[in-house]
Amino acid sequence: GNQAADQIQHDVYGAVVLSATQMFFDERIRK
């Protein structure tokens, strides 16, 4: 287990959007 799950890490919001961005521009991806 990992206590990091209880932490506040604000960079995570950028990680989510950055991960999803490719979906909107890459025509190879089923979405």
PDB file of all heavy atoms in Angstrom:
ATOM      1  N   GLY A   1       0.830  -1.200   0.000  1.00  0.00           N
ATOM      2  CA  GLY A   1       0.000   0.000   0.000  1.00  0.00           C
ATOM      3  C   GLY A   1       0.863   1.248   0.000  1.00  0.00           C
ATOM      4  O   GLY A   1       2.069   1.194   0.263  1.00  0.00           O
ATOM      5  N   ASN A   2       0.258   2.394  -0.304  1.00  0.00           N
ATOM      6  CA  ASN A   2       1.045   3.615  -0.411  1.00  0.00           C
ATOM      7  C   ASN A   2       0.261   4.820   0.107  1.00  0.00           C
ATOM      8  O   ASN A   2      -0.830   5.133  -0.390  1.00  0.00           O
ATOM      9  CB  ASN A   2       1.468   3.865  -1.860  1.00  0.00           C
ATOM     10  CG  ASN A   2       2.642   4.803  -1.956  1.00  0.00           C
ATOM     11  OD1 ASN A   2       2.610   5.911  -1.446  1.00  0.00           O
ATOM     12  ND2 ASN A   2       3.698   4.364  -2.633  1.00  0.00           N
ATOM     13  N   GLN A   3       0.838   5.470   1.095  1.00  0.00           N
ATOM     14  CA  GLN A   3       0.220   6.624   1.743  1.00  0.00           C
ATOM     15  C   GLN A   3       0.086   7.817   0.804  1.00  0.00           C
ATOM     16  O   GLN A   3      -0.665   8.762   1.086  1.00  0.00           O
ATOM     17  CB  GLN A   3       1.046   7.010   2.970  1.00  0.00           C
ATOM     18  CG  GLN A   3       0.433   8.070   3.855  1.00  0.00           C
ATOM     19  CD  GLN A   3       1.361   8.441   5.007  1.00  0.00           C
ATOM     20  OE1 GLN A   3       2.048   7.580   5.563  1.00  0.00           O
ATOM     21  NE2 GLN A   3       1.398   9.721   5.346  1.00  0.00           N
ATOM     22  N   ALA A   4       0.778   7.771  -0.333  1.00  0.00           N
ATOM     23  CA  ALA A   4       0.671   8.877  -1.289  1.00  0.00           C
ATOM     24  C   ALA A   4      -0.758   9.090  -1.758  1.00  0.00           C
ATOM     25  O   ALA A   4      -1.116  10.182  -2.218  1.00  0.00           O
ATOM     26  CB  ALA A   4       1.573   8.614  -2.492  1.00  0.00           C
ATOM     27  N   ALA A   5      -1.589   8.056  -1.648  1.00  0.00           N
ATOM     28  CA  ALA A   5      -2.998   8.189  -2.037  1.00  0.00           C
ATOM     29  C   ALA A   5      -3.708   9.253  -1.217  1.00  0.00           C
ATOM     30  O   ALA A   5      -4.723   9.821  -1.658  1.00  0.00           O
ATOM     31  CB  ALA A   5      -3.710   6.848  -1.895  1.00  0.00           C
ATOM     32  N   ASP A   6      -3.207   9.557  -0.034  1.00  0.00           N
ATOM     33  CA  ASP A   6      -3.837  10.547   0.845  1.00  0.00           C
ATOM     34  C   ASP A   6      -3.296  11.949   0.625  1.00  0.00           C
ATOM     35  O   ASP A   6      -3.765  12.905   1.251  1.00  0.00           O
ATOM     36  CB  ASP A   6      -3.626  10.154   2.311  1.00  0.00           C
ATOM     37  CG  ASP A   6      -4.230   8.804   2.652  1.00  0.00           C
ATOM     38  OD1 ASP A   6      -5.259   8.452   2.050  1.00  0.00           O
ATOM     39  OD2 ASP A   6      -3.656   8.094   3.502  1.00  0.00           O
ATOM     40  N   GLN A   7      -2.297  12.085  -0.247  1.00  0.00           N
ATOM     41  CA  GLN A   7      -1.651  13.378  -0.419  1.00  0.00           C
ATOM     42  C   GLN A   7      -2.396  14.266  -1.411  1.00  0.00           C
ATOM     43  O   GLN A   7      -3.185  13.795  -2.240  1.00  0.00           O
ATOM     44  CB  GLN A   7      -0.215  13.180  -0.912  1.00  0.00           C
ATOM     45  CG  GLN A   7       0.718  12.567   0.113  1.00  0.00           C
ATOM     46  CD  GLN A   7       2.148  12.550  -0.376  1.00  0.00           C
ATOM     47  OE1 GLN A   7       2.431  12.702  -1.564  1.00  0.00           O
ATOM     48  NE2 GLN A   7       3.072  12.358   0.556  1.00  0.00           N
ATOM     49  N   ILE A   8      -2.107  15.543  -1.298  1.00  0.00           N
ATOM     50  CA  ILE A   8      -2.588  16.520  -2.275  1.00  0.00           C
ATOM     51  C   ILE A   8      -1.434  16.816  -3.234  1.00  0.00           C
ATOM     52  O   ILE A   8      -0.364  17.264  -2.817  1.00  0.00           O
ATOM     53  CB  ILE A   8      -3.050  17.812  -1.579  1.00  0.00           C
ATOM     54  CG1 ILE A   8      -4.243  17.522  -0.662  1.00  0.00           C
ATOM     55  CG2 ILE A   8      -3.395  18.883  -2.596  1.00  0.00           C
ATOM     56  CD1 ILE A   8      -4.633  18.681   0.222  1.00  0.00           C
ATOM     57  N   GLN A   9      -1.650  16.533  -4.512  1.00  0.00           N
ATOM     58  CA  GLN A   9      -0.641  16.777  -5.545  1.00  0.00           C
ATOM     59  C   GLN A   9      -1.340  17.436  -6.725  1.00  0.00           C
ATOM     60  O   GLN A   9      -2.038  16.775  -7.498  1.00  0.00           O
ATOM     61  CB  GLN A   9       0.025  15.461  -5.964  1.00  0.00           C
ATOM     62  CG  GLN A   9       0.767  14.753  -4.847  1.00  0.00           C
ATOM     63  CD  GLN A   9       1.344  13.410  -5.294  1.00  0.00           C
ATOM     64  OE1 GLN A   9       1.656  13.221  -6.463  1.00  0.00           O
ATOM     65  NE2 GLN A   9       1.490  12.483  -4.350  1.00  0.00           N
ATOM     66  N   HIS A  10      -1.167  18.734  -6.874  1.00  0.00           N
ATOM     67  CA  HIS A  10      -1.946  19.483  -7.847  1.00  0.00           C
ATOM     68  C   HIS A  10      -1.504  19.250  -9.292  1.00  0.00           C
ATOM     69  O   HIS A  10      -2.262  19.597 -10.220  1.00  0.00           O
ATOM     70  CB  HIS A  10      -1.901  20.977  -7.526  1.00  0.00           C
ATOM     71  CG  HIS A  10      -2.542  21.331  -6.221  1.00  0.00           C
ATOM     72  ND1 HIS A  10      -3.723  20.765  -5.794  1.00  0.00           N
ATOM     73  CD2 HIS A  10      -2.151  22.207  -5.221  1.00  0.00           C
ATOM     74  CE1 HIS A  10      -4.052  21.257  -4.610  1.00  0.00           C
ATOM     75  NE2 HIS A  10      -3.123  22.128  -4.237  1.00  0.00           N
ATOM     76  N   ASP A  11      -0.342  18.674  -9.515  1.00  0.00           N
ATOM     77  CA  ASP A  11       0.064  18.409 -10.892  1.00  0.00           C
ATOM     78  C   ASP A  11      -0.815  17.353 -11.555  1.00  0.00           C
ATOM     79  O   ASP A  11      -0.828  17.208 -12.778  1.00  0.00           O
ATOM     80  CB  ASP A  11       1.522  17.971 -10.937  1.00  0.00           C
ATOM     81  CG  ASP A  11       1.749  16.591 -10.337  1.00  0.00           C
ATOM     82  OD1 ASP A  11       1.568  16.450  -9.111  1.00  0.00           O
ATOM     83  OD2 ASP A  11       2.089  15.660 -11.081  1.00  0.00           O
ATOM     84  N   VAL A  12      -1.582  16.626 -10.756  1.00  0.00           N
ATOM     85  CA  VAL A  12      -2.388  15.529 -11.277  1.00  0.00           C
ATOM     86  C   VAL A  12      -3.448  16.031 -12.266  1.00  0.00           C
ATOM     87  O   VAL A  12      -3.819  15.321 -13.206  1.00  0.00           O
ATOM     88  CB  VAL A  12      -3.039  14.753 -10.112  1.00  0.00           C
ATOM     89  CG1 VAL A  12      -4.113  15.559  -9.434  1.00  0.00           C
ATOM     90  CG2 VAL A  12      -3.580  13.415 -10.580  1.00  0.00           C
ATOM     91  N   TYR A  13      -3.914  17.261 -12.112  1.00  0.00           N
ATOM     92  CA  TYR A  13      -4.930  17.786 -13.021  1.00  0.00           C
ATOM     93  C   TYR A  13      -4.349  17.959 -14.430  1.00  0.00           C
ATOM     94  O   TYR A  13      -5.017  17.661 -15.431  1.00  0.00           O
ATOM     95  CB  TYR A  13      -5.486  19.105 -12.488  1.00  0.00           C
ATOM     96  CG  TYR A  13      -5.970  18.989 -11.065  1.00  0.00           C
ATOM     97  CD1 TYR A  13      -5.365  19.683 -10.026  1.00  0.00           C
ATOM     98  CD2 TYR A  13      -7.017  18.125 -10.752  1.00  0.00           C
ATOM     99  CE1 TYR A  13      -5.789  19.546  -8.716  1.00  0.00           C
ATOM    100  CE2 TYR A  13      -7.454  17.974  -9.440  1.00  0.00           C
ATOM    101  CZ  TYR A  13      -6.830  18.679  -8.426  1.00  0.00           C
ATOM    102  OH  TYR A  13      -7.251  18.513  -7.124  1.00  0.00           O
ATOM    103  N   GLY A  14      -3.126  18.418 -14.493  1.00  0.00           N
ATOM    104  CA  GLY A  14      -2.468  18.505 -15.785  1.00  0.00           C
ATOM    105  C   GLY A  14      -2.221  17.136 -16.398  1.00  0.00           C
ATOM    106  O   GLY A  14      -2.369  16.952 -17.613  1.00  0.00           O
ATOM    107  N   ALA A  15      -1.880  16.165 -15.550  1.00  0.00           N
ATOM    108  CA  ALA A  15      -1.627  14.815 -16.055  1.00  0.00           C
ATOM    109  C   ALA A  15      -2.869  14.224 -16.711  1.00  0.00           C
ATOM    110  O   ALA A  15      -2.781  13.549 -17.748  1.00  0.00           O
ATOM    111  CB  ALA A  15      -1.145  13.918 -14.915  1.00  0.00           C
ATOM    112  N   VAL A  16      -4.029  14.467 -16.117  1.00  0.00           N
ATOM    113  CA  VAL A  16      -5.275  13.938 -16.679  1.00  0.00           C
ATOM    114  C   VAL A  16      -5.568  14.577 -18.033  1.00  0.00           C
ATOM    115  O   VAL A  16      -5.844  13.888 -19.025  1.00  0.00           O
ATOM    116  CB  VAL A  16      -6.446  14.166 -15.708  1.00  0.00           C
ATOM    117  CG1 VAL A  16      -7.775  13.834 -16.384  1.00  0.00           C
ATOM    118  CG2 VAL A  16      -6.272  13.316 -14.456  1.00  0.00           C
ATOM    119  N   VAL A  17      -5.503  15.886 -18.101  1.00  0.00           N
ATOM    120  CA  VAL A  17      -5.833  16.577 -19.354  1.00  0.00           C
ATOM    121  C   VAL A  17      -4.803  16.254 -20.433  1.00  0.00           C
ATOM    122  O   VAL A  17      -5.153  16.013 -21.601  1.00  0.00           O
ATOM    123  CB  VAL A  17      -5.939  18.095 -19.125  1.00  0.00           C
ATOM    124  CG1 VAL A  17      -6.184  18.822 -20.450  1.00  0.00           C
ATOM    125  CG2 VAL A  17      -7.060  18.405 -18.146  1.00  0.00           C
ATOM    126  N   LEU A  18      -3.528  16.237 -20.074  1.00  0.00           N
ATOM    127  CA  LEU A  18      -2.493  15.905 -21.052  1.00  0.00           C
ATOM    128  C   LEU A  18      -2.697  14.503 -21.611  1.00  0.00           C
ATOM    129  O   LEU A  18      -2.508  14.262 -22.811  1.00  0.00           O
ATOM    130  CB  LEU A  18      -1.110  16.014 -20.406  1.00  0.00           C
ATOM    131  CG  LEU A  18      -0.578  17.427 -20.173  1.00  0.00           C
ATOM    132  CD1 LEU A  18       0.628  17.394 -19.238  1.00  0.00           C
ATOM    133  CD2 LEU A  18      -0.209  18.091 -21.488  1.00  0.00           C
ATOM    134  N   SER A  19      -3.067  13.565 -20.759  1.00  0.00           N
ATOM    135  CA  SER A  19      -3.285  12.194 -21.219  1.00  0.00           C
ATOM    136  C   SER A  19      -4.428  12.132 -22.221  1.00  0.00           C
ATOM    137  O   SER A  19      -4.372  11.388 -23.203  1.00  0.00           O
ATOM    138  CB  SER A  19      -3.595  11.283 -20.029  1.00  0.00           C
ATOM    139  OG  SER A  19      -2.491  11.173 -19.162  1.00  0.00           O
ATOM    140  N   ALA A  20      -5.477  12.889 -21.960  1.00  0.00           N
ATOM    141  CA  ALA A  20      -6.670  12.824 -22.802  1.00  0.00           C
ATOM    142  C   ALA A  20      -6.552  13.655 -24.072  1.00  0.00           C
ATOM    143  O   ALA A  20      -7.297  13.422 -25.035  1.00  0.00           O
ATOM    144  CB  ALA A  20      -7.889  13.279 -22.006  1.00  0.00           C
ATOM    145  N   THR A  21      -5.641  14.615 -24.109  1.00  0.00           N
ATOM    146  CA  THR A  21      -5.548  15.527 -25.249  1.00  0.00           C
ATOM    147  C   THR A  21      -5.358  14.775 -26.571  1.00  0.00           C
ATOM    148  O   THR A  21      -5.979  15.113 -27.590  1.00  0.00           O
ATOM    149  CB  THR A  21      -4.409  16.538 -25.038  1.00  0.00           C
ATOM    150  OG1 THR A  21      -4.692  17.327 -23.883  1.00  0.00           O
ATOM    151  CG2 THR A  21      -4.242  17.442 -26.242  1.00  0.00           C
ATOM    152  N   GLN A  22      -4.506  13.770 -26.555  1.00  0.00           N
ATOM    153  CA  GLN A  22      -4.215  13.023 -27.774  1.00  0.00           C
ATOM    154  C   GLN A  22      -5.489  12.467 -28.407  1.00  0.00           C
ATOM    155  O   GLN A  22      -5.616  12.374 -29.626  1.00  0.00           O
ATOM    156  CB  GLN A  22      -3.258  11.875 -27.451  1.00  0.00           C
ATOM    157  CG  GLN A  22      -2.736  11.130 -28.660  1.00  0.00           C
ATOM    158  CD  GLN A  22      -1.471  11.733 -29.223  1.00  0.00           C
ATOM    159  OE1 GLN A  22      -0.764  12.465 -28.519  1.00  0.00           O
ATOM    160  NE2 GLN A  22      -1.173  11.437 -30.467  1.00  0.00           N
ATOM    161  N   MET A  23      -6.446  12.104 -27.553  1.00  0.00           N
ATOM    162  CA  MET A  23      -7.686  11.508 -28.045  1.00  0.00           C
ATOM    163  C   MET A  23      -8.416  12.431 -29.026  1.00  0.00           C
ATOM    164  O   MET A  23      -9.058  11.967 -29.975  1.00  0.00           O
ATOM    165  CB  MET A  23      -8.596  11.164 -26.862  1.00  0.00           C
ATOM    166  CG  MET A  23      -9.960  10.638 -27.246  1.00  0.00           C
ATOM    167  SD  MET A  23     -10.953  10.228 -25.796  1.00  0.00           S
ATOM    168  CE  MET A  23     -10.149   8.742 -25.256  1.00  0.00           C
ATOM    169  N   PHE A  24      -8.317  13.714 -28.823  1.00  0.00           N
ATOM    170  CA  PHE A  24      -9.062  14.663 -29.648  1.00  0.00           C
ATOM    171  C   PHE A  24      -8.368  14.960 -30.981  1.00  0.00           C
ATOM    172  O   PHE A  24      -8.990  15.517 -31.889  1.00  0.00           O
ATOM    173  CB  PHE A  24      -9.264  15.974 -28.885  1.00  0.00           C
ATOM    174  CG  PHE A  24     -10.145  15.827 -27.679  1.00  0.00           C
ATOM    175  CD1 PHE A  24      -9.609  15.498 -26.440  1.00  0.00           C
ATOM    176  CD2 PHE A  24     -11.514  16.005 -27.783  1.00  0.00           C
ATOM    177  CE1 PHE A  24     -10.421  15.367 -25.319  1.00  0.00           C
ATOM    178  CE2 PHE A  24     -12.334  15.874 -26.670  1.00  0.00           C
ATOM    179  CZ  PHE A  24     -11.787  15.551 -25.437  1.00  0.00           C
ATOM    180  N   PHE A  25      -7.089  14.607 -31.089  1.00  0.00           N
ATOM    181  CA  PHE A  25      -6.326  14.976 -32.279  1.00  0.00           C
ATOM    182  C   PHE A  25      -5.861  13.780 -33.114  1.00  0.00           C
ATOM    183  O   PHE A  25      -5.494  13.954 -34.269  1.00  0.00           O
ATOM    184  CB  PHE A  25      -5.100  15.809 -31.865  1.00  0.00           C
ATOM    185  CG  PHE A  25      -5.452  17.153 -31.309  1.00  0.00           C
ATOM    186  CD1 PHE A  25      -5.678  17.322 -29.942  1.00  0.00           C
ATOM    187  CD2 PHE A  25      -5.582  18.260 -32.141  1.00  0.00           C
ATOM    188  CE1 PHE A  25      -6.009  18.560 -29.424  1.00  0.00           C
ATOM    189  CE2 PHE A  25      -5.911  19.500 -31.619  1.00  0.00           C
ATOM    190  CZ  PHE A  25      -6.124  19.658 -30.261  1.00  0.00           C
ATOM    191  N   ASP A  26      -5.866  12.589 -32.537  1.00  0.00           N
ATOM    192  CA  ASP A  26      -5.344  11.404 -33.215  1.00  0.00           C
ATOM    193  C   ASP A  26      -6.506  10.606 -33.805  1.00  0.00           C
ATOM    194  O   ASP A  26      -7.304  10.020 -33.081  1.00  0.00           O
ATOM    195  CB  ASP A  26      -4.553  10.545 -32.224  1.00  0.00           C
ATOM    196  CG  ASP A  26      -3.701   9.494 -32.925  1.00  0.00           C
ATOM    197  OD1 ASP A  26      -4.088   9.050 -34.028  1.00  0.00           O
ATOM    198  OD2 ASP A  26      -2.659   9.112 -32.363  1.00  0.00           O
ATOM    199  N   GLU A  27      -6.604  10.592 -35.128  1.00  0.00           N
ATOM    200  CA  GLU A  27      -7.724   9.936 -35.790  1.00  0.00           C
ATOM    201  C   GLU A  27      -7.634   8.409 -35.724  1.00  0.00           C
ATOM    202  O   GLU A  27      -8.578   7.718 -36.084  1.00  0.00           O
ATOM    203  CB  GLU A  27      -7.808  10.388 -37.255  1.00  0.00           C
ATOM    204  CG  GLU A  27      -8.140  11.856 -37.427  1.00  0.00           C
ATOM    205  CD  GLU A  27      -9.478  12.230 -36.795  1.00  0.00           C
ATOM    206  OE1 GLU A  27     -10.383  11.381 -36.795  1.00  0.00           O
ATOM    207  OE2 GLU A  27      -9.599  13.370 -36.287  1.00  0.00           O
ATOM    208  N   ARG A  28      -6.488   7.881 -35.263  1.00  0.00           N
ATOM    209  CA  ARG A  28      -6.364   6.419 -35.136  1.00  0.00           C
ATOM    210  C   ARG A  28      -7.088   5.893 -33.904  1.00  0.00           C
ATOM    211  O   ARG A  28      -7.363   4.693 -33.807  1.00  0.00           O
ATOM    212  CB  ARG A  28      -4.887   6.027 -35.037  1.00  0.00           C
ATOM    213  CG  ARG A  28      -4.054   6.393 -36.252  1.00  0.00           C
ATOM    214  CD  ARG A  28      -2.575   6.194 -35.945  1.00  0.00           C
ATOM    215  NE  ARG A  28      -2.131   7.035 -34.838  1.00  0.00           N
ATOM    216  CZ  ARG A  28      -0.934   6.924 -34.245  1.00  0.00           C
ATOM    217  NH1 ARG A  28      -0.086   5.999 -34.651  1.00  0.00           N
ATOM    218  NH2 ARG A  28      -0.610   7.736 -33.259  1.00  0.00           N
ATOM    219  N   ILE A  29      -7.396   6.768 -32.949  1.00  0.00           N
ATOM    220  CA  ILE A  29      -7.906   6.334 -31.650  1.00  0.00           C
ATOM    221  C   ILE A  29      -9.429   6.264 -31.682  1.00  0.00           C
ATOM    222  O   ILE A  29     -10.101   7.241 -32.054  1.00  0.00           O
ATOM    223  CB  ILE A  29      -7.434   7.290 -30.539  1.00  0.00           C
ATOM    224  CG1 ILE A  29      -5.901   7.254 -30.434  1.00  0.00           C
ATOM    225  CG2 ILE A  29      -8.078   6.944 -29.210  1.00  0.00           C
ATOM    226  CD1 ILE A  29      -5.336   8.225 -29.418  1.00  0.00           C
ATOM    227  N   ARG A  30      -9.946   5.102 -31.292  1.00  0.00           N
ATOM    228  CA  ARG A  30     -11.395   4.982 -31.111  1.00  0.00           C
ATOM    229  C   ARG A  30     -11.776   5.745 -29.844  1.00  0.00           C
ATOM    230  O   ARG A  30     -11.132   5.604 -28.805  1.00  0.00           O
ATOM    231  CB  ARG A  30     -11.801   3.517 -30.978  1.00  0.00           C
ATOM    232  CG  ARG A  30     -11.519   2.690 -32.208  1.00  0.00           C
ATOM    233  CD  ARG A  30     -12.088   1.289 -32.062  1.00  0.00           C
ATOM    234  NE  ARG A  30     -11.530   0.597 -30.910  1.00  0.00           N
ATOM    235  CZ  ARG A  30     -10.409  -0.114 -30.951  1.00  0.00           C
ATOM    236  NH1 ARG A  30      -9.737  -0.209 -32.073  1.00  0.00           N
ATOM    237  NH2 ARG A  30      -9.955  -0.723 -29.869  1.00  0.00           N
ATOM    238  N   LYS A  31     -12.821   6.542 -29.908  1.00  0.00           N
ATOM    239  CA  LYS A  31     -13.096   7.429 -28.790  1.00  0.00           C
ATOM    240  C   LYS A  31     -14.593   7.655 -28.639  1.00  0.00           C
ATOM    241  O   LYS A  31     -15.370   7.512 -29.585  1.00  0.00           O
ATOM    242  CB  LYS A  31     -12.390   8.764 -28.994  1.00  0.00           C
ATOM    243  CG  LYS A  31     -12.602   9.369 -30.386  1.00  0.00           C
ATOM    244  CD  LYS A  31     -11.588  10.455 -30.662  1.00  0.00           C
ATOM    245  CE  LYS A  31     -11.666  10.913 -32.116  1.00  0.00           C
ATOM    246  NZ  LYS A  31     -10.615  11.878 -32.451  1.00  0.00           N
TER     247      LYS A  31
END
